[in-house]
PDB file of N, CA and C in Angstrom:
ATOM      1  N   MET A   1      72.999  -2.436  -2.904  1.00  0.00           N
ATOM      2  CA  MET A   1      73.093  -3.481  -3.975  1.00  0.00           C
ATOM      3  C   MET A   1      73.283  -2.982  -5.730  1.00  0.00           C
ATOM      4  N   SER A   2      74.508  -4.133  -6.118  1.00  0.00           N
ATOM      5  CA  SER A   2      74.560  -3.694  -7.687  1.00  0.00           C
ATOM      6  C   SER A   2      73.534  -4.026  -8.380  1.00  0.00           C
ATOM      7  N   ALA A   3      73.590  -3.544  -9.479  1.00  0.00           N
ATOM      8  CA  ALA A   3      72.609  -4.039 -10.785  1.00  0.00           C
ATOM      9  C   ALA A   3      73.639  -3.732 -12.091  1.00  0.00           C
ATOM     10  N   THR A   4      73.122  -4.811 -12.566  1.00  0.00           N
ATOM     11  CA  THR A   4      73.751  -5.310 -13.864  1.00  0.00           C
ATOM     12  C   THR A   4      72.675  -5.603 -14.981  1.00  0.00           C
ATOM     13  N   ILE A   5      73.112  -5.261 -16.447  1.00  0.00           N
ATOM     14  CA  ILE A   5      72.373  -5.508 -17.370  1.00  0.00           C
ATOM     15  C   ILE A   5      72.327  -6.872 -18.300  1.00  0.00           C
ATOM     16  N   ARG A   6      71.298  -7.383 -18.481  1.00  0.00           N
ATOM     17  CA  ARG A   6      71.301  -8.831 -18.618  1.00  0.00           C
ATOM     18  C   ARG A   6      70.541  -8.923 -19.840  1.00  0.00           C
ATOM     19  N   LEU A   7      70.658  -9.874 -21.041  1.00  0.00           N
ATOM     20  CA  LEU A   7      69.848 -10.079 -22.296  1.00  0.00           C
ATOM     21  C   LEU A   7      68.912 -10.915 -21.718  1.00  0.00           C
ATOM     22  N   ARG A   8      67.601 -10.899 -22.493  1.00  0.00           N
ATOM     23  CA  ARG A   8      66.439 -11.816 -22.609  1.00  0.00           C
ATOM     24  C   ARG A   8      67.034 -12.781 -23.694  1.00  0.00           C
ATOM     25  N   VAL A   9      67.157 -13.502 -22.908  1.00  0.00           N
ATOM     26  CA  VAL A   9      67.801 -14.187 -24.027  1.00  0.00           C
ATOM     27  C   VAL A   9      66.772 -15.470 -25.129  1.00  0.00           C
ATOM     28  N   ASP A  10      65.574 -15.592 -24.041  1.00  0.00           N
ATOM     29  CA  ASP A  10      64.654 -16.211 -24.955  1.00  0.00           C
ATOM     30  C   ASP A  10      63.722 -14.772 -26.085  1.00  0.00           C
ATOM     31  N   ARG A  11      63.924 -13.743 -25.639  1.00  0.00           N
ATOM     32  CA  ARG A  11      63.443 -12.597 -26.917  1.00  0.00           C
ATOM     33  C   ARG A  11      64.287 -12.568 -28.065  1.00  0.00           C
ATOM     34  N   PHE A  12      65.573 -12.015 -27.433  1.00  0.00           N
ATOM     35  CA  PHE A  12      66.707 -12.811 -28.004  1.00  0.00           C
ATOM     36  C   PHE A  12      66.488 -13.579 -29.421  1.00  0.00           C
ATOM     37  N   GLU A  13      66.888 -14.623 -28.928  1.00  0.00           N
ATOM     38  CA  GLU A  13      66.807 -15.937 -29.572  1.00  0.00           C
ATOM     39  C   GLU A  13      65.450 -16.205 -30.611  1.00  0.00           C
ATOM     40  N   LEU A  14      64.315 -15.677 -29.923  1.00  0.00           N
ATOM     41  CA  LEU A  14      62.729 -15.442 -30.953  1.00  0.00           C
ATOM     42  C   LEU A  14      63.288 -14.544 -32.268  1.00  0.00           C
ATOM     43  N   MET A  15      63.573 -13.338 -31.639  1.00  0.00           N
ATOM     44  CA  MET A  15      63.765 -12.446 -32.571  1.00  0.00           C
ATOM     45  C   MET A  15      65.203 -12.692 -33.891  1.00  0.00           C
ATOM     46  N   THR A  16      66.503 -13.272 -33.573  1.00  0.00           N
ATOM     47  CA  THR A  16      67.265 -13.364 -34.247  1.00  0.00           C
ATOM     48  C   THR A  16      66.252 -14.577 -35.085  1.00  0.00           C
ATOM     49  N   ARG A  17      66.012 -15.611 -35.025  1.00  0.00           N
ATOM     50  CA  ARG A  17      65.263 -16.866 -35.612  1.00  0.00           C
ATOM     51  C   ARG A  17      64.494 -16.079 -36.237  1.00  0.00           C
ATOM     52  N   ILE A  18      63.589 -15.323 -36.284  1.00  0.00           N
ATOM     53  CA  ILE A  18      62.788 -14.799 -37.093  1.00  0.00           C
ATOM     54  C   ILE A  18      63.462 -13.732 -38.384  1.00  0.00           C
ATOM     55  N   VAL A  19      64.904 -13.399 -38.116  1.00  0.00           N
ATOM     56  CA  VAL A  19      64.976 -12.693 -39.224  1.00  0.00           C
ATOM     57  C   VAL A  19      66.228 -13.844 -39.581  1.00  0.00           C
ATOM     58  N   GLY A  20      66.378 -14.678 -39.593  1.00  0.00           N
ATOM     59  CA  GLY A  20      66.758 -15.413 -40.282  1.00  0.00           C
ATOM     60  C   GLY A  20      68.820 -15.782 -39.544  1.00  0.00           C
ATOM     61  N   ALA A  21      68.513 -15.837 -38.715  1.00  0.00           N
ATOM     62  CA  ALA A  21      69.660 -15.978 -37.869  1.00  0.00           C
ATOM     63  C   ALA A  21      69.535 -16.945 -36.682  1.00  0.00           C
ATOM     64  N   ALA A  22      69.547 -18.533 -36.880  1.00  0.00           N
ATOM     65  CA  ALA A  22      69.160 -19.081 -35.245  1.00  0.00           C
ATOM     66  C   ALA A  22      70.115 -19.808 -35.169  1.00  0.00           C
ATOM     67  N   THR A  23      71.602 -19.321 -35.240  1.00  0.00           N
ATOM     68  CA  THR A  23      72.791 -19.633 -34.524  1.00  0.00           C
ATOM     69  C   THR A  23      73.807 -18.719 -34.481  1.00  0.00           C
ATOM     70  N   PRO A  24      74.595 -19.076 -33.447  1.00  0.00           N
ATOM     71  CA  PRO A  24      75.733 -18.093 -32.813  1.00  0.00           C
ATOM     72  C   PRO A  24      76.230 -17.565 -34.008  1.00  0.00           C
ATOM     73  N   THR A  25      77.149 -18.168 -35.000  1.00  0.00           N
ATOM     74  CA  THR A  25      77.276 -17.369 -35.654  1.00  0.00           C
ATOM     75  C   THR A  25      77.003 -16.743 -36.740  1.00  0.00           C
ATOM     76  N   SER A  26      75.844 -17.282 -37.190  1.00  0.00           N
ATOM     77  CA  SER A  26      74.820 -16.060 -37.740  1.00  0.00           C
ATOM     78  C   SER A  26      74.343 -15.044 -37.013  1.00  0.00           C
ATOM     79  N   ARG A  27      74.012 -15.046 -35.460  1.00  0.00           N
ATOM     80  CA  ARG A  27      73.689 -14.002 -34.955  1.00  0.00           C
ATOM     81  C   ARG A  27      74.405 -13.081 -35.162  1.00  0.00           C
ATOM     82  N   ALA A  28      76.165 -13.645 -34.873  1.00  0.00           N
ATOM     83  CA  ALA A  28      77.458 -13.178 -34.572  1.00  0.00           C
ATOM     84  C   ALA A  28      77.186 -11.719 -36.025  1.00  0.00           C
ATOM     85  N   ALA A  29      76.991 -12.938 -37.132  1.00  0.00           N
ATOM     86  CA  ALA A  29      77.207 -11.917 -38.566  1.00  0.00           C
ATOM     87  C   ALA A  29      76.156 -11.085 -38.869  1.00  0.00           C
ATOM     88  N   LEU A  30      75.108 -11.093 -38.170  1.00  0.00           N
ATOM     89  CA  LEU A  30      73.671 -10.346 -37.726  1.00  0.00           C
ATOM     90  C   LEU A  30      73.936  -8.874 -37.672  1.00  0.00           C
ATOM     91  N   ILE A  31      74.622  -8.984 -35.874  1.00  0.00           N
ATOM     92  CA  ILE A  31      74.641  -7.856 -35.283  1.00  0.00           C
ATOM     93  C   ILE A  31      76.318  -7.567 -35.319  1.00  0.00           C
ATOM     94  N   GLY A  32      77.189  -8.014 -35.725  1.00  0.00           N
ATOM     95  CA  GLY A  32      78.565  -7.301 -36.137  1.00  0.00           C
ATOM     96  C   GLY A  32      79.748  -7.967 -35.098  1.00  0.00           C
ATOM     97  N   VAL A  33      79.377  -8.312 -34.224  1.00  0.00           N
ATOM     98  CA  VAL A  33      80.444  -9.114 -32.984  1.00  0.00           C
ATOM     99  C   VAL A  33      80.978 -10.227 -33.250  1.00  0.00           C
ATOM    100  N   ASP A  34      81.822 -10.556 -32.854  1.00  0.00           N
ATOM    101  CA  ASP A  34      82.403 -12.072 -32.302  1.00  0.00           C
ATOM    102  C   ASP A  34      81.453 -12.929 -31.761  1.00  0.00           C
ATOM    103  N   ARG A  35      81.711 -14.327 -32.743  1.00  0.00           N
ATOM    104  CA  ARG A  35      80.781 -15.255 -31.954  1.00  0.00           C
ATOM    105  C   ARG A  35      80.768 -15.323 -30.811  1.00  0.00           C
ATOM    106  N   LYS A  36      82.160 -15.516 -29.494  1.00  0.00           N
ATOM    107  CA  LYS A  36      82.049 -15.309 -28.302  1.00  0.00           C
ATOM    108  C   LYS A  36      81.525 -14.668 -27.728  1.00  0.00           C
ATOM    109  N   THR A  37      81.023 -13.432 -28.450  1.00  0.00           N
ATOM    110  CA  THR A  37      80.411 -11.816 -27.633  1.00  0.00           C
ATOM    111  C   THR A  37      78.942 -12.587 -27.513  1.00  0.00           C
ATOM    112  N   ILE A  38      78.290 -13.463 -28.341  1.00  0.00           N
ATOM    113  CA  ILE A  38      77.035 -13.972 -28.584  1.00  0.00           C
ATOM    114  C   ILE A  38      77.048 -14.867 -27.620  1.00  0.00           C
ATOM    115  N   GLY A  39      77.924 -16.081 -26.826  1.00  0.00           N
ATOM    116  CA  GLY A  39      78.296 -16.625 -26.045  1.00  0.00           C
ATOM    117  C   GLY A  39      78.276 -16.129 -24.659  1.00  0.00           C
ATOM    118  N   ARG A  40      79.139 -15.020 -24.425  1.00  0.00           N
ATOM    119  CA  ARG A  40      79.039 -13.936 -23.310  1.00  0.00           C
ATOM    120  C   ARG A  40      77.645 -13.160 -23.141  1.00  0.00           C
ATOM    121  N   ALA A  41      77.125 -12.933 -24.037  1.00  0.00           N
ATOM    122  CA  ALA A  41      75.670 -12.175 -23.509  1.00  0.00           C
ATOM    123  C   ALA A  41      74.922 -12.862 -23.913  1.00  0.00           C
ATOM    124  N   MET A  42      74.555 -14.573 -24.038  1.00  0.00           N
ATOM    125  CA  MET A  42      73.952 -15.655 -23.147  1.00  0.00           C
ATOM    126  C   MET A  42      74.094 -15.973 -22.233  1.00  0.00           C
ATOM    127  N   ASP A  43      75.103 -16.035 -21.575  1.00  0.00           N
ATOM    128  CA  ASP A  43      75.393 -15.926 -20.372  1.00  0.00           C
ATOM    129  C   ASP A  43      75.611 -14.883 -19.619  1.00  0.00           C
ATOM    130  N   GLY A  44      74.993 -13.931 -19.329  1.00  0.00           N
ATOM    131  CA  GLY A  44      74.934 -12.990 -18.727  1.00  0.00           C
ATOM    132  C   GLY A  44      75.737 -11.607 -18.483  1.00  0.00           C
ATOM    133  N   THR A  45      76.572 -11.609 -19.871  1.00  0.00           N
ATOM    134  CA  THR A  45      77.663 -10.690 -19.548  1.00  0.00           C
ATOM    135  C   THR A  45      77.116  -9.665 -21.051  1.00  0.00           C
ATOM    136  N   VAL A  46      76.866  -8.240 -20.814  1.00  0.00           N
ATOM    137  CA  VAL A  46      76.536  -7.593 -22.161  1.00  0.00           C
ATOM    138  C   VAL A  46      77.454  -5.989 -21.762  1.00  0.00           C
ATOM    139  N   GLY A  47      77.484  -5.755 -22.681  1.00  0.00           N
ATOM    140  CA  GLY A  47      77.776  -4.386 -22.905  1.00  0.00           C
ATOM    141  C   GLY A  47      76.899  -3.122 -23.867  1.00  0.00           C
ATOM    142  N   GLU A  48      77.159  -1.742 -23.458  1.00  0.00           N
ATOM    143  CA  GLU A  48      76.756  -0.741 -24.116  1.00  0.00           C
ATOM    144  C   GLU A  48      77.139  -1.287 -26.076  1.00  0.00           C
ATOM    145  N   VAL A  49      78.112  -1.293 -26.019  1.00  0.00           N
ATOM    146  CA  VAL A  49      78.798  -1.708 -28.135  1.00  0.00           C
ATOM    147  C   VAL A  49      77.403  -2.756 -28.267  1.00  0.00           C
ATOM    148  N   PHE A  50      77.159  -3.793 -27.274  1.00  0.00           N
ATOM    149  CA  PHE A  50      76.179  -5.383 -27.690  1.00  0.00           C
ATOM    150  C   PHE A  50      74.892  -4.370 -28.023  1.00  0.00           C
ATOM    151  N   MET A  51      74.655  -3.808 -26.923  1.00  0.00           N
ATOM    152  CA  MET A  51      73.147  -3.580 -26.870  1.00  0.00           C
ATOM    153  C   MET A  51      73.089  -2.689 -28.238  1.00  0.00           C
ATOM    154  N   VAL A  52      73.866  -1.848 -28.069  1.00  0.00           N
ATOM    155  CA  VAL A  52      73.395  -0.722 -29.346  1.00  0.00           C
ATOM    156  C   VAL A  52      73.734  -1.576 -30.608  1.00  0.00           C
ATOM    157  N   LYS A  53      74.694  -2.402 -30.891  1.00  0.00           N
ATOM    158  CA  LYS A  53      74.550  -3.045 -32.046  1.00  0.00           C
ATOM    159  C   LYS A  53      73.107  -3.856 -32.103  1.00  0.00           C
ATOM    160  N   THR A  54      72.683  -4.750 -31.590  1.00  0.00           N
ATOM    161  CA  THR A  54      71.873  -5.614 -31.344  1.00  0.00           C
ATOM    162  C   THR A  54      70.481  -4.922 -31.505  1.00  0.00           C
ATOM    163  N   ILE A  55      70.179  -3.895 -31.473  1.00  0.00           N
ATOM    164  CA  ILE A  55      69.387  -2.945 -31.573  1.00  0.00           C
ATOM    165  C   ILE A  55      68.979  -2.417 -32.854  1.00  0.00           C
ATOM    166  N   THR A  56      70.417  -2.463 -33.149  1.00  0.00           N
ATOM    167  CA  THR A  56      70.270  -1.427 -34.833  1.00  0.00           C
ATOM    168  C   THR A  56      70.291  -2.856 -35.572  1.00  0.00           C
ATOM    169  N   ALA A  57      70.598  -3.894 -35.481  1.00  0.00           N
ATOM    170  CA  ALA A  57      70.658  -4.650 -36.423  1.00  0.00           C
ATOM    171  C   ALA A  57      69.537  -5.104 -36.602  1.00  0.00           C
ATOM    172  N   LEU A  58      68.504  -5.360 -35.030  1.00  0.00           N
ATOM    173  CA  LEU A  58      67.268  -5.848 -35.216  1.00  0.00           C
ATOM    174  C   LEU A  58      66.474  -4.807 -36.154  1.00  0.00           C
ATOM    175  N   ARG A  59      66.047  -3.872 -35.511  1.00  0.00           N
ATOM    176  CA  ARG A  59      65.800  -2.444 -36.084  1.00  0.00           C
ATOM    177  C   ARG A  59      65.667  -2.460 -37.509  1.00  0.00           C
ATOM    178  N   ARG A  60      66.602  -3.209 -38.532  1.00  0.00           N
ATOM    179  CA  ARG A  60      66.712  -3.102 -40.098  1.00  0.00           C
ATOM    180  C   ARG A  60      65.605  -4.701 -40.485  1.00  0.00           C
ATOM    181  N   HIS A  61      65.211  -4.971 -39.923  1.00  0.00           N
ATOM    182  CA  HIS A  61      64.468  -6.233 -39.639  1.00  0.00           C
ATOM    183  C   HIS A  61      62.801  -5.691 -39.435  1.00  0.00           C
ATOM    184  N   THR A  62      62.732  -4.503 -39.102  1.00  0.00           N
ATOM    185  CA  THR A  62      61.193  -3.959 -37.895  1.00  0.00           C
ATOM    186  C   THR A  62      59.965  -4.609 -38.670  1.00  0.00           C
ATOM    187  N   GLU A  63      60.092  -4.580 -39.734  1.00  0.00           N
ATOM    188  CA  GLU A  63      59.057  -4.969 -40.694  1.00  0.00           C
ATOM    189  C   GLU A  63      58.289  -6.275 -40.499  1.00  0.00           C
ATOM    190  N   ALA A  64      59.475  -7.660 -40.017  1.00  0.00           N
ATOM    191  CA  ALA A  64      59.246  -8.985 -40.121  1.00  0.00           C
ATOM    192  C   ALA A  64      59.122  -9.418 -38.850  1.00  0.00           C
ATOM    193  N   LEU A  65      59.589  -8.597 -37.424  1.00  0.00           N
ATOM    194  CA  LEU A  65      59.497  -8.517 -36.702  1.00  0.00           C
ATOM    195  C   LEU A  65      58.021  -8.207 -36.028  1.00  0.00           C
ATOM    196  N   SER A  66      57.836  -6.712 -36.641  1.00  0.00           N
ATOM    197  CA  SER A  66      56.337  -6.242 -36.276  1.00  0.00           C
ATOM    198  C   SER A  66      55.464  -7.080 -36.781  1.00  0.00           C
ATOM    199  N   ALA A  67      55.589  -7.788 -37.977  1.00  0.00           N
ATOM    200  CA  ALA A  67      54.026  -9.027 -38.345  1.00  0.00           C
ATOM    201  C   ALA A  67      54.092  -9.603 -37.212  1.00  0.00           C
ATOM    202  N   CYS A  68      54.814 -10.197 -36.477  1.00  0.00           N
ATOM    203  CA  CYS A  68      55.119 -10.951 -35.491  1.00  0.00           C
ATOM    204  C   CYS A  68      54.807 -10.688 -33.677  1.00  0.00           C
ATOM    205  N   GLY A  69      54.461  -9.034 -34.184  1.00  0.00           N
ATOM    206  CA  GLY A  69      54.534  -8.552 -32.692  1.00  0.00           C
ATOM    207  C   GLY A  69      54.897  -7.905 -32.118  1.00  0.00           C
ATOM    208  N   LEU A  70      56.536  -8.008 -32.073  1.00  0.00           N
ATOM    209  CA  LEU A  70      57.581  -7.657 -31.839  1.00  0.00           C
ATOM    210  C   LEU A  70      58.459  -6.501 -31.986  1.00  0.00           C
ATOM    211  N   THR A  71      58.940  -5.690 -31.216  1.00  0.00           N
ATOM    212  CA  THR A  71      59.397  -4.504 -31.076  1.00  0.00           C
ATOM    213  C   THR A  71      60.830  -3.930 -31.039  1.00  0.00           C
ATOM    214  N   PRO A  72      62.187  -4.273 -32.084  1.00  0.00           N
ATOM    215  CA  PRO A  72      63.660  -4.440 -30.785  1.00  0.00           C
ATOM    216  C   PRO A  72      63.648  -2.925 -30.467  1.00  0.00           C
ATOM    217  N   SER A  73      63.793  -3.232 -29.005  1.00  0.00           N
ATOM    218  CA  SER A  73      63.898  -2.534 -27.966  1.00  0.00           C
ATOM    219  C   SER A  73      64.910  -2.606 -26.858  1.00  0.00           C
ATOM    220  N   LEU A  74      65.352  -1.752 -25.987  1.00  0.00           N
ATOM    221  CA  LEU A  74      65.838  -2.160 -24.706  1.00  0.00           C
ATOM    222  C   LEU A  74      65.096  -2.768 -23.881  1.00  0.00           C
ATOM    223  N   ASP A  75      63.842  -2.173 -24.244  1.00  0.00           N
ATOM    224  CA  ASP A  75      62.951  -2.570 -22.385  1.00  0.00           C
ATOM    225  C   ASP A  75      62.726  -4.446 -22.787  1.00  0.00           C
ATOM    226  N   GLU A  76      62.809  -5.114 -24.548  1.00  0.00           N
ATOM    227  CA  GLU A  76      62.507  -5.949 -25.065  1.00  0.00           C
ATOM    228  C   GLU A  76      63.580  -7.023 -25.020  1.00  0.00           C
ATOM    229  N   LEU A  77      64.596  -6.373 -25.142  1.00  0.00           N
ATOM    230  CA  LEU A  77      65.463  -7.441 -25.277  1.00  0.00           C
ATOM    231  C   LEU A  77      66.397  -7.476 -23.775  1.00  0.00           C
ATOM    232  N   PHE A  78      66.521  -6.374 -22.698  1.00  0.00           N
ATOM    233  CA  PHE A  78      67.301  -6.289 -21.802  1.00  0.00           C
ATOM    234  C   PHE A  78      66.831  -5.972 -20.765  1.00  0.00           C
ATOM    235  N   GLU A  79      67.393  -6.509 -19.800  1.00  0.00           N
ATOM    236  CA  GLU A  79      66.465  -6.244 -18.359  1.00  0.00           C
ATOM    237  C   GLU A  79      67.768  -5.936 -17.342  1.00  0.00           C
ATOM    238  N   VAL A  80      67.904  -4.534 -16.433  1.00  0.00           N
ATOM    239  CA  VAL A  80      68.139  -4.981 -15.121  1.00  0.00           C
ATOM    240  C   VAL A  80      67.739  -5.764 -14.091  1.00  0.00           C
ATOM    241  N   VAL A  81      69.260  -6.060 -13.493  1.00  0.00           N
ATOM    242  CA  VAL A  81      68.871  -6.730 -12.426  1.00  0.00           C
ATOM    243  C   VAL A  81      69.619  -7.036 -11.276  1.00  0.00           C
ATOM    244  N   GLY A  82      69.468  -7.598  -9.981  1.00  0.00           N
ATOM    245  CA  GLY A  82      70.551  -6.959  -9.267  1.00  0.00           C
ATOM    246  C   GLY A  82      71.172  -8.109  -8.523  1.00  0.00           C
ATOM    247  N   ASP A  83      72.211  -8.424  -8.049  1.00  0.00           N
ATOM    248  CA  ASP A  83      72.885  -9.798  -7.425  1.00  0.00           C
ATOM    249  C   ASP A  83      72.235 -10.567  -7.327  1.00  0.00           C
ATOM    250  N   GLY A  84      71.312 -10.397  -6.582  1.00  0.00           N
ATOM    251  CA  GLY A  84      70.343 -11.337  -6.486  1.00  0.00           C
ATOM    252  C   GLY A  84      70.214 -12.387  -7.087  1.00  0.00           C
ATOM    253  N   ASP A  85      69.384 -11.619  -8.515  1.00  0.00           N
ATOM    254  CA  ASP A  85      68.948 -12.000  -9.748  1.00  0.00           C
ATOM    255  C   ASP A  85      70.018 -12.784 -10.322  1.00  0.00           C
ATOM    256  N   LEU A  86      71.329 -12.733 -10.023  1.00  0.00           N
ATOM    257  CA  LEU A  86      72.745 -12.631 -10.768  1.00  0.00           C
ATOM    258  C   LEU A  86      72.765 -13.824 -10.676  1.00  0.00           C
ATOM    259  N   ALA A  87      72.991 -14.454  -9.495  1.00  0.00           N
ATOM    260  CA  ALA A  87      73.213 -16.033  -9.326  1.00  0.00           C
ATOM    261  C   ALA A  87      71.971 -17.176  -9.652  1.00  0.00           C
ATOM    262  N   GLU A  88      70.913 -16.521 -10.327  1.00  0.00           N
ATOM    263  CA  GLU A  88      70.053 -17.401 -10.967  1.00  0.00           C
ATOM    264  C   GLU A  88      70.715 -17.827 -12.393  1.00  0.00           C
ATOM    265  N   VAL A  89      70.920 -16.670 -12.926  1.00  0.00           N
ATOM    266  CA  VAL A  89      71.876 -16.618 -14.080  1.00  0.00           C
ATOM    267  C   VAL A  89      72.720 -17.885 -13.913  1.00  0.00           C
ATOM    268  N   ALA A  90      73.450 -17.872 -12.654  1.00  0.00           N
ATOM    269  CA  ALA A  90      75.123 -18.436 -12.992  1.00  0.00           C
ATOM    270  C   ALA A  90      73.959 -20.137 -12.541  1.00  0.00           C
ATOM    271  N   ALA A  91      73.255 -20.222 -11.847  1.00  0.00           N
ATOM    272  CA  ALA A  91      72.929 -21.142 -11.603  1.00  0.00           C
ATOM    273  C   ALA A  91      72.682 -22.080 -12.707  1.00  0.00           C
TER     274      ALA A  91
END
């Protein structure tokens, strides 16, 4: 069985909304990626660069996020899923 890393979309949307990025365009600007990259990530395709840029960008807003009980971390924003779980993402 192989595994992949998936964005926790609900946490990502919540954290980015708290820091003022509520649209794909503003999220892309916050993180420093192309708008299409946001779409791919929300659909289940993430790479190491996206992960690092996301954590780095959100850590710049640690004070606002921690006031809401949130911590921008790999565990909070990403999860490892197996092949069987990926079928659920596609559905």
